[in-house]
Amino acid sequence: MSKPKIVICIGSSCFSRGNAKNAELAEEFLKKHNLRDEVDVELSGGLCLNMCAEGPNVVIDGRVHHHVDQGAMLDLLENLFPGDENNNAGEKVQ
């Protein structure tokens, strides 16, 4: 299985417009769903993607996602790691 890669832009514009919270949300999601131990995930912050007007930007497996708020971030994570009804994947991570 290939290793999913999530890059959250931490350029000043994306970071201040929501990616600080998106990074926290991603870490909590992975922890809550025990994905850090079960799935080989690379979560990293990337410097400016030069798409500031489209931010906050998140790249998942090479695909760039623009205007990512916390709701969109949660949707992206749930789509990347679909769960069953018993793993609380549908609950909002704070």
Protein backbone atom coordinates (compact mmCIF):
# COMPACT_ATOMS: atom_id res chain seq x y z
CA MET A 1 0.00 0.00 0.00
CA SER A 2 1.41 3.39 -0.93
CA LYS A 3 1.99 5.86 1.82
CA PRO A 4 -0.63 8.66 1.88
CA LYS A 5 1.00 12.07 1.95
CA ILE A 6 -0.73 15.14 3.36
CA VAL A 7 1.02 18.50 3.01
CA ILE A 8 -0.52 21.47 4.78
CA CYS A 9 0.83 24.80 3.53
CA ILE A 10 2.35 26.78 6.38
CA GLY A 11 3.15 29.86 4.36
CA SER A 12 2.10 32.92 6.35
CA SER A 13 -1.13 33.51 4.38
CA CYS A 14 -2.42 29.91 4.52
CA PHE A 15 -1.26 29.45 8.10
CA SER A 16 -3.06 32.55 9.35
CA ARG A 17 -6.18 31.86 7.27
CA GLY A 18 -6.81 28.46 8.79
CA ASN A 19 -4.07 25.94 8.18
CA ALA A 20 -2.82 26.26 11.75
CA LYS A 21 -6.15 24.77 12.85
CA ASN A 22 -6.20 22.33 9.91
CA ALA A 23 -2.84 20.92 11.01
CA GLU A 24 -4.15 20.43 14.55
CA LEU A 25 -7.35 18.86 13.22
CA ALA A 26 -5.39 16.41 11.04
CA GLU A 27 -3.16 15.36 13.93
CA GLU A 28 -6.17 14.84 16.21
CA PHE A 29 -8.07 12.92 13.52
CA LEU A 30 -5.17 10.54 12.96
CA LYS A 31 -4.69 10.07 16.69
CA LYS A 32 -8.40 9.59 17.43
CA HIS A 33 -8.81 6.96 14.72
CA ASN A 34 -5.55 5.16 15.56
CA LEU A 35 -4.25 5.81 12.08
CA ARG A 36 -0.76 6.75 13.19
CA ASP A 37 -0.07 3.11 14.08
CA GLU A 38 -2.23 1.34 11.48
CA VAL A 39 -1.54 3.43 8.38
CA ASP A 40 1.82 4.72 7.23
CA VAL A 41 0.91 8.40 6.91
CA GLU A 42 3.25 11.27 6.18
CA LEU A 43 1.81 14.52 7.48
CA SER A 44 4.04 17.50 6.87
CA GLY A 45 3.83 21.23 6.60
CA GLY A 46 4.95 22.78 3.36
CA LEU A 47 6.17 26.25 2.79
CA CYS A 48 4.35 28.60 0.47
CA LEU A 49 2.80 26.92 -2.56
CA ASN A 50 2.57 30.29 -4.37
CA MET A 51 -1.22 29.99 -4.47
CA CYS A 52 -1.93 32.38 -1.61
CA ALA A 53 -5.12 33.82 -3.08
CA GLU A 54 -6.59 30.30 -3.21
CA GLY A 55 -5.64 29.36 0.36
CA PRO A 56 -5.67 27.83 2.77
CA ASN A 57 -4.14 25.11 0.58
CA VAL A 58 -3.69 21.43 1.38
CA VAL A 59 -2.06 18.84 -0.90
CA ILE A 60 -3.11 15.21 -0.56
CA ASP A 61 -1.21 12.68 -2.65
CA GLY A 62 -0.23 15.41 -5.11
CA ARG A 63 -3.73 16.86 -5.53
CA VAL A 64 -4.06 20.47 -4.42
CA HIS A 65 -7.17 21.50 -2.51
CA HIS A 66 -7.97 25.21 -2.19
CA HIS A 67 -10.01 27.21 0.35
CA VAL A 68 -9.76 24.37 2.89
CA ASP A 69 -11.62 25.27 6.08
CA GLN A 70 -11.96 22.86 9.01
CA GLY A 71 -15.12 21.26 7.57
CA ALA A 72 -13.41 20.65 4.24
CA MET A 73 -10.31 19.32 6.01
CA LEU A 74 -12.42 16.82 7.93
CA ASP A 75 -14.17 15.76 4.70
CA LEU A 76 -10.80 15.25 2.99
CA LEU A 77 -9.54 13.11 5.86
CA GLU A 78 -12.74 11.04 6.00
CA ASN A 79 -12.51 10.43 2.24
CA LEU A 80 -8.84 9.47 2.47
CA PHE A 81 -9.46 7.17 5.44
CA PRO A 82 -13.03 5.88 5.12
CA GLY A 83 -14.11 4.20 8.32
CA ASP A 84 -16.90 2.02 9.48
CA GLU A 85 -19.81 3.11 11.62
CA ASN A 86 -18.04 2.04 14.79
CA ASN A 87 -14.85 4.09 14.52
CA ASN A 88 -16.44 7.54 14.97
CA ALA A 89 -15.09 8.78 11.62
CA GLY A 90 -18.15 10.99 11.23
CA GLU A 91 -17.63 12.86 14.51
CA LYS A 92 -16.18 16.32 14.36
CA VAL A 93 -12.67 16.51 15.77
CA GLN A 94 -12.07 19.54 17.96
